[in-house]
Amino acid sequence: QMGVCVVDSAVAGLGGCPYAQGSSGNVSTEDVLYMLHGVGIETGV
């Protein structure tokens, strides 16, 4: 909504950081796509 057009994501939400105990992985690509398609944004994915 602020104009950023690039979003990093990871399939199945995998990932994390060894120096950030307890943090989850990057947001899942599947969930981001579902939201984007739901608000009418064409991703081509």
PDB file of all heavy atoms in Angstrom:
ATOM      1  N   GLN A   1       0.820  -1.214   0.000  1.00  0.00           N
ATOM      2  CA  GLN A   1       0.000   0.000   0.000  1.00  0.00           C
ATOM      3  C   GLN A   1       0.855   1.265   0.000  1.00  0.00           C
ATOM      4  O   GLN A   1       0.401   2.329  -0.427  1.00  0.00           O
ATOM      5  CB  GLN A   1      -0.939  -0.016   1.207  1.00  0.00           C
ATOM      6  CG  GLN A   1      -2.033  -1.067   1.100  1.00  0.00           C
ATOM      7  CD  GLN A   1      -2.811  -1.256   2.391  1.00  0.00           C
ATOM      8  OE1 GLN A   1      -2.323  -0.977   3.494  1.00  0.00           O
ATOM      9  NE2 GLN A   1      -4.041  -1.734   2.272  1.00  0.00           N
ATOM     10  N   MET A   2       2.105   1.145   0.436  1.00  0.00           N
ATOM     11  CA  MET A   2       3.017   2.280   0.429  1.00  0.00           C
ATOM     12  C   MET A   2       3.835   2.373  -0.859  1.00  0.00           C
ATOM     13  O   MET A   2       4.645   3.275  -1.025  1.00  0.00           O
ATOM     14  CB  MET A   2       3.960   2.201   1.637  1.00  0.00           C
ATOM     15  CG  MET A   2       3.237   2.352   2.970  1.00  0.00           C
ATOM     16  SD  MET A   2       4.349   2.261   4.395  1.00  0.00           S
ATOM     17  CE  MET A   2       5.200   3.858   4.263  1.00  0.00           C
ATOM     18  N   GLY A   3       3.623   1.395  -1.761  1.00  0.00           N
ATOM     19  CA  GLY A   3       4.271   1.463  -3.064  1.00  0.00           C
ATOM     20  C   GLY A   3       5.371   0.464  -3.329  1.00  0.00           C
ATOM     21  O   GLY A   3       5.926   0.418  -4.436  1.00  0.00           O
ATOM     22  N   VAL A   4       5.726  -0.350  -2.339  1.00  0.00           N
ATOM     23  CA  VAL A   4       6.747  -1.385  -2.551  1.00  0.00           C
ATOM     24  C   VAL A   4       6.165  -2.484  -3.435  1.00  0.00           C
ATOM     25  O   VAL A   4       5.043  -2.944  -3.203  1.00  0.00           O
ATOM     26  CB  VAL A   4       7.220  -1.977  -1.208  1.00  0.00           C
ATOM     27  CG1 VAL A   4       8.183  -3.146  -1.433  1.00  0.00           C
ATOM     28  CG2 VAL A   4       7.881  -0.905  -0.357  1.00  0.00           C
ATOM     29  N   CYS A   5       6.925  -2.918  -4.430  1.00  0.00           N
ATOM     30  CA  CYS A   5       6.397  -3.888  -5.392  1.00  0.00           C
ATOM     31  C   CYS A   5       7.142  -5.218  -5.397  1.00  0.00           C
ATOM     32  O   CYS A   5       6.821  -6.100  -6.193  1.00  0.00           O
ATOM     33  CB  CYS A   5       6.448  -3.303  -6.806  1.00  0.00           C
ATOM     34  SG  CYS A   5       5.370  -1.879  -7.039  1.00  0.00           S
ATOM     35  N   VAL A   6       8.146  -5.368  -4.543  1.00  0.00           N
ATOM     36  CA  VAL A   6       8.937  -6.606  -4.507  1.00  0.00           C
ATOM     37  C   VAL A   6       8.872  -7.202  -3.105  1.00  0.00           C
ATOM     38  O   VAL A   6       9.122  -6.510  -2.111  1.00  0.00           O
ATOM     39  CB  VAL A   6      10.405  -6.354  -4.909  1.00  0.00           C
ATOM     40  CG1 VAL A   6      11.200  -7.654  -4.852  1.00  0.00           C
ATOM     41  CG2 VAL A   6      10.486  -5.740  -6.296  1.00  0.00           C
ATOM     42  N   VAL A   7       8.539  -8.490  -3.041  1.00  0.00           N
ATOM     43  CA  VAL A   7       8.407  -9.192  -1.766  1.00  0.00           C
ATOM     44  C   VAL A   7       9.226 -10.476  -1.819  1.00  0.00           C
ATOM     45  O   VAL A   7       9.065 -11.284  -2.734  1.00  0.00           O
ATOM     46  CB  VAL A   7       6.929  -9.540  -1.474  1.00  0.00           C
ATOM     47  CG1 VAL A   7       6.815 -10.368  -0.203  1.00  0.00           C
ATOM     48  CG2 VAL A   7       6.087  -8.278  -1.378  1.00  0.00           C
ATOM     49  N   ASP A   8      10.097 -10.675  -0.844  1.00  0.00           N
ATOM     50  CA  ASP A   8      10.832 -11.932  -0.727  1.00  0.00           C
ATOM     51  C   ASP A   8       9.942 -12.958  -0.036  1.00  0.00           C
ATOM     52  O   ASP A   8       9.202 -12.622   0.890  1.00  0.00           O
ATOM     53  CB  ASP A   8      12.101 -11.748   0.114  1.00  0.00           C
ATOM     54  CG  ASP A   8      13.099 -10.778  -0.506  1.00  0.00           C
ATOM     55  OD1 ASP A   8      12.959 -10.463  -1.694  1.00  0.00           O
ATOM     56  OD2 ASP A   8      14.027 -10.349   0.216  1.00  0.00           O
ATOM     57  N   SER A   9      10.049 -14.200  -0.446  1.00  0.00           N
ATOM     58  CA  SER A   9       9.286 -15.263   0.215  1.00  0.00           C
ATOM     59  C   SER A   9       9.998 -16.583  -0.007  1.00  0.00           C
ATOM     60  O   SER A   9      10.937 -16.676  -0.802  1.00  0.00           O
ATOM     61  CB  SER A   9       7.852 -15.326  -0.338  1.00  0.00           C
ATOM     62  OG  SER A   9       7.863 -15.674  -1.712  1.00  0.00           O
ATOM     63  N   ALA A  10       9.565 -17.620   0.699  1.00  0.00           N
ATOM     64  CA  ALA A  10      10.175 -18.940   0.587  1.00  0.00           C
ATOM     65  C   ALA A  10       9.095 -20.000   0.453  1.00  0.00           C
ATOM     66  O   ALA A  10       8.107 -19.983   1.192  1.00  0.00           O
ATOM     67  CB  ALA A  10      11.038 -19.237   1.819  1.00  0.00           C
ATOM     68  N   VAL A  11       9.280 -20.904  -0.480  1.00  0.00           N
ATOM     69  CA  VAL A  11       8.331 -22.008  -0.645  1.00  0.00           C
ATOM     70  C   VAL A  11       8.199 -22.769   0.678  1.00  0.00           C
ATOM     71  O   VAL A  11       9.193 -23.077   1.335  1.00  0.00           O
ATOM     72  CB  VAL A  11       8.800 -22.957  -1.763  1.00  0.00           C
ATOM     73  CG1 VAL A  11       7.979 -24.242  -1.752  1.00  0.00           C
ATOM     74  CG2 VAL A  11       8.682 -22.275  -3.121  1.00  0.00           C
ATOM     75  N   ALA A  12       6.975 -22.993   1.109  1.00  0.00           N
ATOM     76  CA  ALA A  12       6.648 -23.713   2.350  1.00  0.00           C
ATOM     77  C   ALA A  12       7.078 -22.962   3.602  1.00  0.00           C
ATOM     78  O   ALA A  12       7.030 -23.502   4.702  1.00  0.00           O
ATOM     79  CB  ALA A  12       7.244 -25.125   2.345  1.00  0.00           C
ATOM     80  N   GLY A  13       7.500 -21.713   3.429  1.00  0.00           N
ATOM     81  CA  GLY A  13       7.910 -20.913   4.581  1.00  0.00           C
ATOM     82  C   GLY A  13       9.164 -21.426   5.253  1.00  0.00           C
ATOM     83  O   GLY A  13       9.356 -21.251   6.460  1.00  0.00           O
ATOM     84  N   LEU A  14      10.048 -22.042   4.477  1.00  0.00           N
ATOM     85  CA  LEU A  14      11.276 -22.595   5.045  1.00  0.00           C
ATOM     86  C   LEU A  14      12.299 -21.493   5.312  1.00  0.00           C
ATOM     87  O   LEU A  14      12.205 -20.394   4.799  1.00  0.00           O
ATOM     88  CB  LEU A  14      11.864 -23.637   4.091  1.00  0.00           C
ATOM     89  CG  LEU A  14      10.962 -24.843   3.795  1.00  0.00           C
ATOM     90  CD1 LEU A  14      11.626 -25.759   2.781  1.00  0.00           C
ATOM     91  CD2 LEU A  14      10.645 -25.605   5.077  1.00  0.00           C
ATOM     92  N   GLY A  15      13.303 -21.812   6.096  1.00  0.00           N
ATOM     93  CA  GLY A  15      14.362 -20.843   6.377  1.00  0.00           C
ATOM     94  C   GLY A  15      14.464 -20.531   7.849  1.00  0.00           C
ATOM     95  O   GLY A  15      13.977 -21.273   8.703  1.00  0.00           O
ATOM     96  N   GLY A  16      15.097 -19.407   8.142  1.00  0.00           N
ATOM     97  CA  GLY A  16      15.310 -19.017   9.527  1.00  0.00           C
ATOM     98  C   GLY A  16      16.691 -18.419   9.683  1.00  0.00           C
ATOM     99  O   GLY A  16      17.367 -18.146   8.692  1.00  0.00           O
ATOM    100  N   CYS A  17      17.134 -18.221  10.910  1.00  0.00           N
ATOM    101  CA  CYS A  17      18.450 -17.635  11.156  1.00  0.00           C
ATOM    102  C   CYS A  17      19.060 -18.275  12.398  1.00  0.00           C
ATOM    103  O   CYS A  17      18.424 -18.303  13.450  1.00  0.00           O
ATOM    104  CB  CYS A  17      18.341 -16.122  11.353  1.00  0.00           C
ATOM    105  SG  CYS A  17      19.922 -15.349  11.753  1.00  0.00           S
ATOM    106  N   PRO A  18      20.289 -18.801  12.301  1.00  0.00           N
ATOM    107  CA  PRO A  18      20.910 -19.463  13.455  1.00  0.00           C
ATOM    108  C   PRO A  18      21.189 -18.521  14.619  1.00  0.00           C
ATOM    109  O   PRO A  18      21.385 -18.968  15.744  1.00  0.00           O
ATOM    110  CB  PRO A  18      22.216 -20.021  12.871  1.00  0.00           C
ATOM    111  CG  PRO A  18      22.500 -19.178  11.671  1.00  0.00           C
ATOM    112  CD  PRO A  18      21.155 -18.831  11.112  1.00  0.00           C
ATOM    113  N   TYR A  19      21.207 -17.205  14.346  1.00  0.00           N
ATOM    114  CA  TYR A  19      21.487 -16.236  15.406  1.00  0.00           C
ATOM    115  C   TYR A  19      20.213 -15.580  15.944  1.00  0.00           C
ATOM    116  O   TYR A  19      20.288 -14.618  16.688  1.00  0.00           O
ATOM    117  CB  TYR A  19      22.447 -15.165  14.897  1.00  0.00           C
ATOM    118  CG  TYR A  19      23.740 -15.757  14.389  1.00  0.00           C
ATOM    119  CD1 TYR A  19      24.064 -15.708  13.045  1.00  0.00           C
ATOM    120  CD2 TYR A  19      24.628 -16.389  15.257  1.00  0.00           C
ATOM    121  CE1 TYR A  19      25.244 -16.263  12.571  1.00  0.00           C
ATOM    122  CE2 TYR A  19      25.805 -16.946  14.806  1.00  0.00           C
ATOM    123  CZ  TYR A  19      26.110 -16.883  13.455  1.00  0.00           C
ATOM    124  OH  TYR A  19      27.270 -17.445  12.998  1.00  0.00           O
ATOM    125  N   ALA A  20      19.066 -16.094  15.508  1.00  0.00           N
ATOM    126  CA  ALA A  20      17.794 -15.556  15.989  1.00  0.00           C
ATOM    127  C   ALA A  20      16.933 -16.715  16.467  1.00  0.00           C
ATOM    128  O   ALA A  20      16.009 -17.150  15.785  1.00  0.00           O
ATOM    129  CB  ALA A  20      17.101 -14.779  14.871  1.00  0.00           C
ATOM    130  N   GLN A  21      17.288 -17.254  17.621  1.00  0.00           N
ATOM    131  CA  GLN A  21      16.607 -18.425  18.145  1.00  0.00           C
ATOM    132  C   GLN A  21      15.105 -18.168  18.322  1.00  0.00           C
ATOM    133  O   GLN A  21      14.705 -17.141  18.840  1.00  0.00           O
ATOM    134  CB  GLN A  21      17.215 -18.823  19.494  1.00  0.00           C
ATOM    135  CG  GLN A  21      18.663 -19.292  19.396  1.00  0.00           C
ATOM    136  CD  GLN A  21      18.837 -20.507  18.509  1.00  0.00           C
ATOM    137  OE1 GLN A  21      18.008 -21.425  18.550  1.00  0.00           O
ATOM    138  NE2 GLN A  21      19.875 -20.535  17.702  1.00  0.00           N
ATOM    139  N   GLY A  22      14.312 -19.131  17.846  1.00  0.00           N
ATOM    140  CA  GLY A  22      12.873 -19.037  18.005  1.00  0.00           C
ATOM    141  C   GLY A  22      12.159 -18.363  16.854  1.00  0.00           C
ATOM    142  O   GLY A  22      10.933 -18.414  16.764  1.00  0.00           O
ATOM    143  N   SER A  23      12.913 -17.710  15.964  1.00  0.00           N
ATOM    144  CA  SER A  23      12.254 -17.049  14.833  1.00  0.00           C
ATOM    145  C   SER A  23      11.910 -18.076  13.772  1.00  0.00           C
ATOM    146  O   SER A  23      12.613 -19.066  13.581  1.00  0.00           O
ATOM    147  CB  SER A  23      13.151 -15.965  14.237  1.00  0.00           C
ATOM    148  OG  SER A  23      14.309 -16.527  13.676  1.00  0.00           O
ATOM    149  N   SER A  24      10.807 -17.843  13.090  1.00  0.00           N
ATOM    150  CA  SER A  24      10.366 -18.769  12.052  1.00  0.00           C
ATOM    151  C   SER A  24      11.066 -18.448  10.743  1.00  0.00           C
ATOM    152  O   SER A  24      11.856 -17.511  10.642  1.00  0.00           O
ATOM    153  CB  SER A  24       8.855 -18.647  11.868  1.00  0.00           C
ATOM    154  OG  SER A  24       8.542 -17.373  11.335  1.00  0.00           O
ATOM    155  N   GLY A  25      10.734 -19.231   9.724  1.00  0.00           N
ATOM    156  CA  GLY A  25      11.299 -18.984   8.406  1.00  0.00           C
ATOM    157  C   GLY A  25      10.643 -17.793   7.731  1.00  0.00           C
ATOM    158  O   GLY A  25       9.746 -17.150   8.282  1.00  0.00           O
ATOM    159  N   ASN A  26      11.123 -17.516   6.533  1.00  0.00           N
ATOM    160  CA  ASN A  26      10.542 -16.449   5.734  1.00  0.00           C
ATOM    161  C   ASN A  26       9.078 -16.786   5.435  1.00  0.00           C
ATOM    162  O   ASN A  26       8.695 -17.952   5.413  1.00  0.00           O
ATOM    163  CB  ASN A  26      11.339 -16.301   4.435  1.00  0.00           C
ATOM    164  CG  ASN A  26      11.089 -15.003   3.719  1.00  0.00           C
ATOM    165  OD1 ASN A  26      10.323 -14.161   4.184  1.00  0.00           O
ATOM    166  ND2 ASN A  26      11.720 -14.831   2.583  1.00  0.00           N
ATOM    167  N   VAL A  27       8.271 -15.769   5.198  1.00  0.00           N
ATOM    168  CA  VAL A  27       6.864 -15.978   4.887  1.00  0.00           C
ATOM    169  C   VAL A  27       6.743 -16.913   3.680  1.00  0.00           C
ATOM    170  O   VAL A  27       7.555 -16.870   2.752  1.00  0.00           O
ATOM    171  CB  VAL A  27       6.164 -14.629   4.602  1.00  0.00           C
ATOM    172  CG1 VAL A  27       6.737 -13.954   3.359  1.00  0.00           C
ATOM    173  CG2 VAL A  27       4.671 -14.801   4.475  1.00  0.00           C
ATOM    174  N   SER A  28       5.754 -17.775   3.691  1.00  0.00           N
ATOM    175  CA  SER A  28       5.630 -18.763   2.613  1.00  0.00           C
ATOM    176  C   SER A  28       5.144 -18.110   1.321  1.00  0.00           C
ATOM    177  O   SER A  28       4.256 -17.253   1.327  1.00  0.00           O
ATOM    178  CB  SER A  28       4.678 -19.894   3.018  1.00  0.00           C
ATOM    179  OG  SER A  28       3.339 -19.495   2.896  1.00  0.00           O
ATOM    180  N   THR A  29       5.729 -18.548   0.232  1.00  0.00           N
ATOM    181  CA  THR A  29       5.344 -18.047  -1.088  1.00  0.00           C
ATOM    182  C   THR A  29       3.872 -18.342  -1.361  1.00  0.00           C
ATOM    183  O   THR A  29       3.151 -17.514  -1.933  1.00  0.00           O
ATOM    184  CB  THR A  29       6.216 -18.701  -2.175  1.00  0.00           C
ATOM    185  OG1 THR A  29       7.597 -18.439  -1.880  1.00  0.00           O
ATOM    186  CG2 THR A  29       5.890 -18.150  -3.560  1.00  0.00           C
ATOM    187  N   GLU A  30       3.422 -19.520  -0.936  1.00  0.00           N
ATOM    188  CA  GLU A  30       2.029 -19.909  -1.165  1.00  0.00           C
ATOM    189  C   GLU A  30       1.064 -18.912  -0.529  1.00  0.00           C
ATOM    190  O   GLU A  30       0.065 -18.508  -1.139  1.00  0.00           O
ATOM    191  CB  GLU A  30       1.772 -21.308  -0.595  1.00  0.00           C
ATOM    192  CG  GLU A  30       2.618 -22.409  -1.206  1.00  0.00           C
ATOM    193  CD  GLU A  30       3.896 -22.689  -0.428  1.00  0.00           C
ATOM    194  OE1 GLU A  30       4.558 -21.711   0.010  1.00  0.00           O
ATOM    195  OE2 GLU A  30       4.228 -23.869  -0.256  1.00  0.00           O
ATOM    196  N   ASP A  31       1.350 -18.507   0.721  1.00  0.00           N
ATOM    197  CA  ASP A  31       0.459 -17.599   1.438  1.00  0.00           C
ATOM    198  C   ASP A  31       0.473 -16.203   0.829  1.00  0.00           C
ATOM    199  O   ASP A  31      -0.559 -15.532   0.751  1.00  0.00           O
ATOM    200  CB  ASP A  31       0.844 -17.539   2.916  1.00  0.00           C
ATOM    201  CG  ASP A  31       0.645 -18.873   3.629  1.00  0.00           C
ATOM    202  OD1 ASP A  31       0.270 -19.862   2.964  1.00  0.00           O
ATOM    203  OD2 ASP A  31       0.885 -18.929   4.850  1.00  0.00           O
ATOM    204  N   VAL A  32       1.663 -15.764   0.414  1.00  0.00           N
ATOM    205  CA  VAL A  32       1.771 -14.449  -0.228  1.00  0.00           C
ATOM    206  C   VAL A  32       0.982 -14.435  -1.540  1.00  0.00           C
ATOM    207  O   VAL A  32       0.226 -13.496  -1.817  1.00  0.00           O
ATOM    208  CB  VAL A  32       3.248 -14.073  -0.490  1.00  0.00           C
ATOM    209  CG1 VAL A  32       3.334 -12.780  -1.312  1.00  0.00           C
ATOM    210  CG2 VAL A  32       3.997 -13.895   0.825  1.00  0.00           C
ATOM    211  N   LEU A  33       1.120 -15.481  -2.330  1.00  0.00           N
ATOM    212  CA  LEU A  33       0.396 -15.558  -3.599  1.00  0.00           C
ATOM    213  C   LEU A  33      -1.117 -15.564  -3.376  1.00  0.00           C
ATOM    214  O   LEU A  33      -1.861 -14.877  -4.091  1.00  0.00           O
ATOM    215  CB  LEU A  33       0.807 -16.817  -4.371  1.00  0.00           C
ATOM    216  CG  LEU A  33       2.194 -16.795  -5.006  1.00  0.00           C
ATOM    217  CD1 LEU A  33       2.543 -18.175  -5.551  1.00  0.00           C
ATOM    218  CD2 LEU A  33       2.269 -15.746  -6.115  1.00  0.00           C
ATOM    219  N   TYR A  34      -1.568 -16.321  -2.400  1.00  0.00           N
ATOM    220  CA  TYR A  34      -3.004 -16.386  -2.107  1.00  0.00           C
ATOM    221  C   TYR A  34      -3.543 -15.003  -1.774  1.00  0.00           C
ATOM    222  O   TYR A  34      -4.611 -14.599  -2.252  1.00  0.00           O
ATOM    223  CB  TYR A  34      -3.250 -17.365  -0.956  1.00  0.00           C
ATOM    224  CG  TYR A  34      -4.708 -17.587  -0.643  1.00  0.00           C
ATOM    225  CD1 TYR A  34      -5.463 -18.502  -1.371  1.00  0.00           C
ATOM    226  CD2 TYR A  34      -5.331 -16.882   0.390  1.00  0.00           C
ATOM    227  CE1 TYR A  34      -6.810 -18.713  -1.078  1.00  0.00           C
ATOM    228  CE2 TYR A  34      -6.673 -17.085   0.685  1.00  0.00           C
ATOM    229  CZ  TYR A  34      -7.405 -17.997  -0.047  1.00  0.00           C
ATOM    230  OH  TYR A  34      -8.728 -18.190   0.236  1.00  0.00           O
ATOM    231  N   MET A  35      -2.802 -14.254  -0.963  1.00  0.00           N
ATOM    232  CA  MET A  35      -3.231 -12.908  -0.600  1.00  0.00           C
ATOM    233  C   MET A  35      -3.211 -11.971  -1.810  1.00  0.00           C
ATOM    234  O   MET A  35      -4.181 -11.232  -2.054  1.00  0.00           O
ATOM    235  CB  MET A  35      -2.336 -12.335   0.499  1.00  0.00           C
ATOM    236  CG  MET A  35      -2.738 -10.919   0.925  1.00  0.00           C
ATOM    237  SD  MET A  35      -1.606 -10.155   2.106  1.00  0.00           S
ATOM    238  CE  MET A  35      -0.227  -9.728   1.030  1.00  0.00           C
ATOM    239  N   LEU A  36      -2.127 -12.022  -2.577  1.00  0.00           N
ATOM    240  CA  LEU A  36      -2.009 -11.125  -3.731  1.00  0.00           C
ATOM    241  C   LEU A  36      -3.108 -11.389  -4.754  1.00  0.00           C
ATOM    242  O   LEU A  36      -3.731 -10.454  -5.272  1.00  0.00           O
ATOM    243  CB  LEU A  36      -0.635 -11.280  -4.382  1.00  0.00           C
ATOM    244  CG  LEU A  36       0.567 -10.837  -3.544  1.00  0.00           C
ATOM    245  CD1 LEU A  36       1.873 -11.086  -4.309  1.00  0.00           C
ATOM    246  CD2 LEU A  36       0.461  -9.366  -3.148  1.00  0.00           C
ATOM    247  N   HIS A  37      -3.343 -12.647  -5.047  1.00  0.00           N
ATOM    248  CA  HIS A  37      -4.407 -12.983  -6.002  1.00  0.00           C
ATOM    249  C   HIS A  37      -5.768 -12.565  -5.450  1.00  0.00           C
ATOM    250  O   HIS A  37      -6.650 -12.138  -6.196  1.00  0.00           O
ATOM    251  CB  HIS A  37      -4.388 -14.491  -6.303  1.00  0.00           C
ATOM    252  CG  HIS A  37      -3.148 -14.936  -7.009  1.00  0.00           C
ATOM    253  ND1 HIS A  37      -2.809 -16.263  -7.187  1.00  0.00           N
ATOM    254  CD2 HIS A  37      -2.148 -14.223  -7.587  1.00  0.00           C
ATOM    255  CE1 HIS A  37      -1.674 -16.349  -7.840  1.00  0.00           C
ATOM    256  NE2 HIS A  37      -1.248 -15.132  -8.092  1.00  0.00           N
ATOM    257  N   GLY A  38      -5.911 -12.650  -4.141  1.00  0.00           N
ATOM    258  CA  GLY A  38      -7.179 -12.278  -3.518  1.00  0.00           C
ATOM    259  C   GLY A  38      -7.493 -10.802  -3.582  1.00  0.00           C
ATOM    260  O   GLY A  38      -8.666 -10.409  -3.522  1.00  0.00           O
ATOM    261  N   VAL A  39      -6.463  -9.965  -3.682  1.00  0.00           N
ATOM    262  CA  VAL A  39      -6.700  -8.519  -3.795  1.00  0.00           C
ATOM    263  C   VAL A  39      -6.586  -8.048  -5.244  1.00  0.00           C
ATOM    264  O   VAL A  39      -6.569  -6.852  -5.519  1.00  0.00           O
ATOM    265  CB  VAL A  39      -5.741  -7.705  -2.891  1.00  0.00           C
ATOM    266  CG1 VAL A  39      -5.995  -8.024  -1.437  1.00  0.00           C
ATOM    267  CG2 VAL A  39      -4.275  -7.943  -3.259  1.00  0.00           C
ATOM    268  N   GLY A  40      -6.517  -9.025  -6.169  1.00  0.00           N
ATOM    269  CA  GLY A  40      -6.555  -8.682  -7.590  1.00  0.00           C
ATOM    270  C   GLY A  40      -5.230  -8.336  -8.218  1.00  0.00           C
ATOM    271  O   GLY A  40      -5.190  -7.742  -9.304  1.00  0.00           O
ATOM    272  N   ILE A  41      -4.121  -8.698  -7.574  1.00  0.00           N
ATOM    273  CA  ILE A  41      -2.803  -8.426  -8.150  1.00  0.00           C
ATOM    274  C   ILE A  41      -2.367  -9.617  -8.985  1.00  0.00           C
ATOM    275  O   ILE A  41      -2.312 -10.749  -8.512  1.00  0.00           O
ATOM    276  CB  ILE A  41      -1.760  -8.148  -7.044  1.00  0.00           C
ATOM    277  CG1 ILE A  41      -2.125  -6.862  -6.302  1.00  0.00           C
ATOM    278  CG2 ILE A  41      -0.353  -8.044  -7.633  1.00  0.00           C
ATOM    279  CD1 ILE A  41      -1.233  -6.549  -5.122  1.00  0.00           C
ATOM    280  N   GLU A  42      -2.065  -9.368 -10.249  1.00  0.00           N
ATOM    281  CA  GLU A  42      -1.609 -10.421 -11.153  1.00  0.00           C
ATOM    282  C   GLU A  42      -0.121 -10.660 -10.934  1.00  0.00           C
ATOM    283  O   GLU A  42       0.698  -9.763 -11.140  1.00  0.00           O
ATOM    284  CB  GLU A  42      -1.885 -10.033 -12.606  1.00  0.00           C
ATOM    285  CG  GLU A  42      -3.355  -9.957 -12.977  1.00  0.00           C
ATOM    286  CD  GLU A  42      -4.026 -11.321 -12.951  1.00  0.00           C
ATOM    287  OE1 GLU A  42      -3.317 -12.332 -13.163  1.00  0.00           O
ATOM    288  OE2 GLU A  42      -5.246 -11.382 -12.704  1.00  0.00           O
ATOM    289  N   THR A  43       0.243 -11.871 -10.527  1.00  0.00           N
ATOM    290  CA  THR A  43       1.654 -12.177 -10.267  1.00  0.00           C
ATOM    291  C   THR A  43       2.319 -12.943 -11.396  1.00  0.00           C
ATOM    292  O   THR A  43       3.548 -12.957 -11.501  1.00  0.00           O
ATOM    293  CB  THR A  43       1.779 -13.011  -8.984  1.00  0.00           C
ATOM    294  OG1 THR A  43       1.129 -14.279  -9.199  1.00  0.00           O
ATOM    295  CG2 THR A  43       1.137 -12.300  -7.795  1.00  0.00           C
ATOM    296  N   GLY A  44       1.519 -13.614 -12.211  1.00  0.00           N
ATOM    297  CA  GLY A  44       2.100 -14.460 -13.248  1.00  0.00           C
ATOM    298  C   GLY A  44       2.634 -15.771 -12.691  1.00  0.00           C
ATOM    299  O   GLY A  44       3.312 -16.521 -13.397  1.00  0.00           O
ATOM    300  N   VAL A  45       2.334 -16.051 -11.416  1.00  0.00           N
ATOM    301  CA  VAL A  45       2.832 -17.269 -10.769  1.00  0.00           C
ATOM    302  C   VAL A  45       1.673 -18.220 -10.528  1.00  0.00           C
ATOM    303  O   VAL A  45       0.608 -17.817 -10.051  1.00  0.00           O
ATOM    304  CB  VAL A  45       3.523 -16.945  -9.425  1.00  0.00           C
ATOM    305  CG1 VAL A  45       4.054 -18.226  -8.776  1.00  0.00           C
ATOM    306  CG2 VAL A  45       4.656 -15.946  -9.630  1.00  0.00           C
TER     307      VAL A  45
END
